[in-house]
Amino acid sequence: MSGNKRAIRPPWMAKRTLRQAENFTRCNRRCVLKISAILLLALATALCVLAADHSREQVVKIVTQIKRADYEGDRSALKRLYGDLTFFVENKDLAAWVRYWRGFALWRRAINGFNDHVDTAELEEDLKQAIVEFDEAGRKDPTFADAKIGALSCVGLLAYAVYQQDAKSPRLAELMAQAKQRRKDAEDAAPENPRLVWVMGPMIWNTPPERGGGPAKAIEMYGKALETIRQNKTVTNDPLEPTWGEPELLMNLAWSNLNQTTPNVTAAEQNARSALELVPYWHYVKDILMPQIQEAMKANRQPTK
């Protein structure tokens, strides 16, 4: 036989070769499908992580703007930024923070409104909705002490707003009962929180000395809280975590030193300037409180001979 002729394979060998080819093809197909599934899962996971990071980045940006708008006394911006956070209220990883800062925006909008003599009905509306937001933040995270603190302040401010309109309003008793319970809840959650002291200060100020309050007691509490917050400063912190308090406590010390029975105008000015060193654009301290302090300094100045 010629060497150029091909060997003829038996039929059984051809069938086995075909089965092997089919098995190889099926194996390859399964491998390709598995690899594709793994790659798709990895891609989906990566996209979820990127989306979560982007959402967090957006929330941080809005929260940063809320903090600045508060100090600037920009009530319109606070209302708008409150609305801007609506998109993120259902984000399970951010919901508690989002609810807190929505409440914060309306809370500070109301406080700035008191300073600017805004209509009481508008202030009450902001405070009521702020309480809803703070309470929702607390439901999302029951350990969220700062949400309890914000709600406590809002109830106290609501009582103040009602008192301004009608000192005999039956709503006052209800609001005072709420404030008492919320104060207990906040103190149980974080008794050493310096932001709780900032909120409690005006209440202590208006409590008679024989009942453990008064201006001297409030000033003492502000001073201790200021030491606490300075001792616990950290270089890095979560931008969504409430860390405000130092400039606010300095502001309260300035106001308290100015308005106590025997004013300490020098201390008031020092406290106000220290607050402005931390927040140079603070509308209330710069445009309202500091001029009051300067007027008091002029009134106390002895005429030269």
Protein backbone atom coordinates (compact mmCIF):
# COMPACT_ATOMS: atom_id res chain seq x y z
CA MET A 1 0.00 0.00 0.00
CA SER A 2 1.14 3.50 -0.79
CA GLY A 3 2.39 5.54 2.18
CA ASN A 4 0.22 8.46 1.04
CA LYS A 5 -3.01 6.64 1.78
CA ARG A 6 -4.78 7.60 5.06
CA ALA A 7 -5.56 4.90 7.60
CA ILE A 8 -9.27 4.22 7.82
CA ARG A 9 -10.62 4.64 11.39
CA PRO A 10 -13.08 2.10 12.62
CA PRO A 11 -16.65 3.43 13.19
CA TRP A 12 -16.48 3.00 16.95
CA MET A 13 -13.41 5.25 17.12
CA ALA A 14 -15.13 7.98 15.07
CA LYS A 15 -18.13 7.91 17.41
CA ARG A 16 -15.89 8.14 20.48
CA THR A 17 -14.08 11.13 19.00
CA LEU A 18 -17.42 12.83 18.28
CA ARG A 19 -18.61 12.24 21.85
CA GLN A 20 -15.35 13.64 23.20
CA ALA A 21 -15.75 16.74 21.06
CA GLU A 22 -19.34 17.20 22.23
CA ASN A 23 -18.34 16.73 25.88
CA PHE A 24 -15.51 19.22 25.46
CA THR A 25 -17.89 21.73 23.87
CA ARG A 26 -20.44 21.30 26.67
CA CYS A 27 -17.70 21.66 29.30
CA ASN A 28 -16.43 24.82 27.64
CA ARG A 29 -19.95 26.20 27.44
CA ARG A 30 -20.53 25.55 31.17
CA CYS A 31 -17.18 27.13 32.03
CA VAL A 32 -17.98 30.17 29.91
CA LEU A 33 -21.39 30.50 31.57
CA LYS A 34 -19.87 30.20 35.05
CA ILE A 35 -17.18 32.75 34.28
CA SER A 36 -19.78 35.08 32.76
CA ALA A 37 -21.98 34.75 35.86
CA ILE A 38 -19.01 35.47 38.12
CA LEU A 39 -18.01 38.49 36.05
CA LEU A 40 -21.58 39.81 36.01
CA LEU A 41 -21.85 39.39 39.78
CA ALA A 42 -18.53 41.15 40.28
CA LEU A 43 -19.64 43.96 37.96
CA ALA A 44 -22.98 44.31 39.75
CA THR A 45 -21.22 44.41 43.12
CA ALA A 46 -18.77 47.01 41.86
CA LEU A 47 -21.61 49.13 40.50
CA CYS A 48 -23.47 48.89 43.82
CA VAL A 49 -20.35 49.97 45.70
CA LEU A 50 -19.81 52.86 43.30
CA ALA A 51 -23.47 53.88 43.60
CA ALA A 52 -23.27 53.73 47.42
CA ASP A 53 -20.06 55.76 47.41
CA HIS A 54 -21.63 58.30 45.06
CA SER A 55 -24.76 58.59 47.23
CA ARG A 56 -22.68 59.08 50.35
CA GLU A 57 -20.56 61.67 48.57
CA GLN A 58 -23.68 63.58 47.53
CA VAL A 59 -25.11 63.47 51.07
CA VAL A 60 -21.83 64.67 52.58
CA LYS A 61 -21.80 67.58 50.12
CA ILE A 62 -25.35 68.59 51.07
CA VAL A 63 -24.65 68.26 54.80
CA THR A 64 -21.57 70.47 54.45
CA GLN A 65 -23.75 73.10 52.78
CA ILE A 66 -26.36 72.80 55.55
CA LYS A 67 -23.76 73.51 58.22
CA ARG A 68 -22.54 76.60 56.42
CA ALA A 69 -26.05 77.86 55.65
CA ASP A 70 -26.87 77.54 59.36
CA TYR A 71 -23.95 79.76 60.39
CA GLU A 72 -24.65 82.20 57.58
CA GLY A 73 -28.29 82.47 58.65
CA ASP A 74 -29.41 81.52 55.14
CA ARG A 75 -32.90 80.23 55.85
CA SER A 76 -33.82 79.84 52.18
CA ALA A 77 -30.80 77.61 51.59
CA LEU A 78 -31.63 75.52 54.66
CA LYS A 79 -35.13 74.87 53.32
CA ARG A 80 -33.79 73.97 49.87
CA LEU A 81 -31.08 71.67 51.24
CA TYR A 82 -33.63 69.95 53.47
CA GLY A 83 -35.49 69.14 50.26
CA ASP A 84 -32.32 68.04 48.46
CA LEU A 85 -31.88 65.22 50.99
CA THR A 86 -35.32 63.77 50.21
CA PHE A 87 -33.86 61.56 47.47
CA PHE A 88 -31.77 59.66 50.04
CA VAL A 89 -34.30 59.01 52.83
CA GLU A 90 -34.84 55.40 51.70
CA ASN A 91 -31.13 54.60 51.47
CA LYS A 92 -30.79 51.98 54.21
CA ASP A 93 -27.11 52.73 54.80
CA LEU A 94 -27.61 56.49 55.07
CA ALA A 95 -31.22 56.88 56.21
CA ALA A 96 -30.50 57.68 59.88
CA TRP A 97 -27.92 60.32 58.95
CA VAL A 98 -30.14 61.78 56.23
CA ARG A 99 -33.10 62.08 58.59
CA TYR A 100 -30.92 63.70 61.26
CA TRP A 101 -29.54 66.35 58.92
CA ARG A 102 -32.97 67.04 57.45
CA GLY A 103 -34.14 67.68 61.01
CA PHE A 104 -31.03 69.74 61.71
CA ALA A 105 -31.67 71.97 58.67
CA LEU A 106 -35.20 72.83 59.83
CA TRP A 107 -34.17 73.14 63.48
CA ARG A 108 -31.47 75.69 62.64
CA ARG A 109 -33.80 77.39 60.17
CA ALA A 110 -36.18 77.99 63.07
CA ILE A 111 -33.41 79.19 65.42
CA ASN A 112 -32.22 81.66 62.81
CA GLY A 113 -35.85 82.66 62.36
CA PHE A 114 -36.15 83.53 66.04
CA ASN A 115 -33.09 85.78 65.69
CA ASP A 116 -34.56 87.45 62.58
CA HIS A 117 -38.09 87.82 64.06
CA VAL A 118 -39.79 85.54 61.52
CA ASP A 119 -43.52 84.85 61.85
CA THR A 120 -44.16 82.41 64.70
CA ALA A 121 -46.43 80.16 62.63
CA GLU A 122 -43.59 79.52 60.17
CA LEU A 123 -41.19 78.76 63.01
CA GLU A 124 -43.62 76.27 64.53
CA GLU A 125 -44.04 74.51 61.18
CA ASP A 126 -40.27 74.07 60.85
CA LEU A 127 -39.92 72.82 64.42
CA LYS A 128 -42.73 70.29 64.12
CA GLN A 129 -41.29 68.81 60.93
CA ALA A 130 -37.80 68.79 62.45
CA ILE A 131 -39.14 66.68 65.33
CA VAL A 132 -40.60 64.22 62.80
CA GLU A 133 -37.19 63.93 61.11
CA PHE A 134 -35.27 63.51 64.38
CA ASP A 135 -37.71 60.88 65.62
CA GLU A 136 -37.41 59.00 62.33
CA ALA A 137 -33.60 59.10 62.65
CA GLY A 138 -34.01 57.60 66.12
CA ARG A 139 -36.22 54.82 64.74
CA LYS A 140 -33.64 54.03 62.07
CA ASP A 141 -30.90 53.95 64.72
CA PRO A 142 -32.12 53.67 68.34
CA THR A 143 -28.60 54.50 69.62
CA PHE A 144 -28.55 57.86 67.82
CA ALA A 145 -28.31 60.16 70.86
CA ASP A 146 -27.90 63.37 68.86
CA ALA A 147 -31.29 62.79 67.23
CA LYS A 148 -32.86 62.74 70.71
CA ILE A 149 -31.00 65.94 71.59
CA GLY A 150 -32.25 67.74 68.50
CA ALA A 151 -35.83 66.68 69.15
CA LEU A 152 -35.59 67.87 72.77
CA SER A 153 -34.44 71.32 71.65
CA CYS A 154 -37.26 71.56 69.09
CA VAL A 155 -39.90 70.76 71.70
CA GLY A 156 -38.41 73.38 74.04
CA LEU A 157 -38.40 75.98 71.26
CA LEU A 158 -41.98 75.11 70.37
CA ALA A 159 -42.98 75.76 73.98
CA TYR A 160 -41.15 79.08 73.84
CA ALA A 161 -42.93 80.06 70.62
CA VAL A 162 -46.32 79.17 72.11
CA TYR A 163 -45.51 81.09 75.30
CA GLN A 164 -44.63 84.18 73.28
CA GLN A 165 -48.07 84.13 71.67
CA ASP A 166 -50.13 83.12 74.72
CA ALA A 167 -48.56 82.62 78.14
CA LYS A 168 -51.74 80.84 79.29
CA SER A 169 -52.06 78.47 76.33
CA PRO A 170 -53.13 74.92 77.32
CA ARG A 171 -50.54 73.64 74.83
CA LEU A 172 -47.77 74.67 77.19
CA ALA A 173 -48.50 71.94 79.72
CA GLU A 174 -48.44 69.29 76.99
CA LEU A 175 -45.19 70.58 75.50
CA MET A 176 -43.52 70.82 78.90
CA ALA A 177 -44.48 67.21 79.64
CA GLN A 178 -42.99 66.16 76.29
CA ALA A 179 -39.82 68.13 77.01
CA LYS A 180 -39.46 66.44 80.40
CA GLN A 181 -39.68 62.96 78.88
CA ARG A 182 -37.38 63.83 75.98
CA ARG A 183 -34.85 65.30 78.36
CA LYS A 184 -34.82 62.03 80.31
CA ASP A 185 -34.40 60.04 77.08
CA ALA A 186 -31.50 62.24 75.93
CA GLU A 187 -29.77 62.17 79.32
CA ASP A 188 -30.12 58.38 79.51
CA ALA A 189 -28.64 58.04 76.02
CA ALA A 190 -25.69 60.46 76.35
CA PRO A 191 -25.40 62.33 79.66
CA GLU A 192 -21.91 63.63 78.83
CA ASN A 193 -22.67 64.78 75.29
CA PRO A 194 -21.59 68.46 75.10
CA ARG A 195 -24.32 69.16 72.54
CA LEU A 196 -26.88 68.10 75.16
CA VAL A 197 -25.42 70.74 77.48
CA TRP A 198 -25.78 73.34 74.73
CA VAL A 199 -29.46 72.43 74.38
CA MET A 200 -30.07 72.21 78.12
CA GLY A 201 -28.32 75.50 78.91
CA PRO A 202 -31.26 77.87 78.28
CA MET A 203 -33.52 75.59 80.36
CA ILE A 204 -31.02 75.63 83.22
CA TRP A 205 -30.65 79.41 82.84
CA ASN A 206 -34.39 79.88 83.41
CA THR A 207 -34.58 77.44 86.32
CA PRO A 208 -34.42 79.12 89.78
CA PRO A 209 -31.12 78.61 91.67
CA GLU A 210 -32.95 76.89 94.55
CA ARG A 211 -33.96 74.22 92.02
CA GLY A 212 -30.42 73.73 90.72
CA GLY A 213 -30.48 76.26 87.91
CA GLY A 214 -29.77 79.90 87.22
CA PRO A 215 -27.27 81.84 85.07
CA ALA A 216 -24.22 80.87 87.14
CA LYS A 217 -25.06 77.18 86.83
CA ALA A 218 -25.61 77.47 83.06
CA ILE A 219 -22.27 79.24 82.59
CA GLU A 220 -20.54 76.56 84.65
CA MET A 221 -22.09 73.81 82.53
CA TYR A 222 -21.09 75.52 79.28
CA GLY A 223 -17.50 75.80 80.49
CA LYS A 224 -17.26 72.11 81.40
CA ALA A 225 -18.87 71.05 78.12
CA LEU A 226 -16.40 73.22 76.21
CA GLU A 227 -13.50 71.45 77.95
CA THR A 228 -15.03 68.07 77.10
CA ILE A 229 -15.47 68.82 73.42
CA ARG A 230 -11.94 70.20 73.11
CA GLN A 231 -10.42 67.18 74.85
CA ASN A 232 -12.23 64.78 72.53
CA LYS A 233 -11.38 66.43 69.22
CA THR A 234 -10.20 64.02 66.54
CA VAL A 235 -8.24 64.80 63.41
CA THR A 236 -10.34 62.47 61.26
CA ASN A 237 -14.04 61.86 61.70
CA ASP A 238 -17.05 60.84 59.70
CA PRO A 239 -18.40 64.03 58.08
CA LEU A 240 -21.94 62.75 58.64
CA GLU A 241 -21.43 62.38 62.38
CA PRO A 242 -22.53 65.40 64.46
CA THR A 243 -19.39 67.00 65.87
CA TRP A 244 -20.58 70.59 66.11
CA GLY A 245 -20.59 72.24 69.51
CA GLU A 246 -17.39 74.16 70.23
CA PRO A 247 -18.36 77.42 68.50
CA GLU A 248 -21.95 77.05 69.75
CA LEU A 249 -20.80 76.70 73.36
CA LEU A 250 -18.54 79.74 72.96
CA MET A 251 -21.50 81.69 71.62
CA ASN A 252 -23.67 80.66 74.57
CA LEU A 253 -20.91 81.67 76.98
CA ALA A 254 -20.67 85.04 75.26
CA TRP A 255 -24.43 85.62 75.46
CA SER A 256 -24.59 84.39 79.06
CA ASN A 257 -21.69 86.55 80.25
CA LEU A 258 -23.33 89.53 78.59
CA ASN A 259 -26.81 88.90 80.00
CA GLN A 260 -26.17 87.69 83.55
CA THR A 261 -27.21 89.94 86.44
CA THR A 262 -23.74 91.44 86.66
CA PRO A 263 -22.44 91.31 83.07
CA ASN A 264 -18.89 90.24 82.38
CA VAL A 265 -18.48 92.13 79.14
CA THR A 266 -14.78 91.33 78.80
CA ALA A 267 -15.45 87.59 78.99
CA ALA A 268 -18.37 87.97 76.60
CA GLU A 269 -16.18 89.66 74.00
CA GLN A 270 -13.43 87.04 74.39
CA ASN A 271 -15.93 84.20 73.94
CA ALA A 272 -17.54 85.84 70.90
CA ARG A 273 -14.17 86.45 69.24
CA SER A 274 -13.14 82.86 69.91
CA ALA A 275 -16.35 81.68 68.24
CA LEU A 276 -15.64 83.89 65.22
CA GLU A 277 -12.12 82.51 64.96
CA LEU A 278 -13.71 79.10 64.40
CA VAL A 279 -16.56 80.37 62.20
CA PRO A 280 -15.72 83.83 60.77
CA TYR A 281 -18.94 83.97 58.72
CA TRP A 282 -21.33 83.30 61.62
CA HIS A 283 -24.17 85.75 61.01
CA TYR A 284 -25.63 85.75 64.52
CA VAL A 285 -22.35 86.27 66.38
CA LYS A 286 -20.87 88.72 63.87
CA ASP A 287 -23.93 90.81 63.05
CA ILE A 288 -26.14 90.53 66.14
CA LEU A 289 -24.29 89.41 69.28
CA MET A 290 -20.96 91.20 68.79
CA PRO A 291 -22.61 94.63 68.24
CA GLN A 292 -24.58 94.09 71.47
CA ILE A 293 -21.35 93.32 73.32
CA GLN A 294 -19.63 96.37 71.85
CA GLU A 295 -22.55 98.58 72.90
CA ALA A 296 -22.28 97.22 76.44
CA MET A 297 -18.54 97.91 76.46
CA LYS A 298 -19.17 101.52 75.43
CA ALA A 299 -21.82 101.92 78.14
CA ASN A 300 -19.45 100.56 80.79
CA ARG A 301 -16.52 102.69 79.69
CA GLN A 302 -15.69 105.46 82.16
CA PRO A 303 -15.45 108.93 80.61
CA THR A 304 -11.92 110.29 80.53
CA LYS A 305 -11.09 113.47 82.50
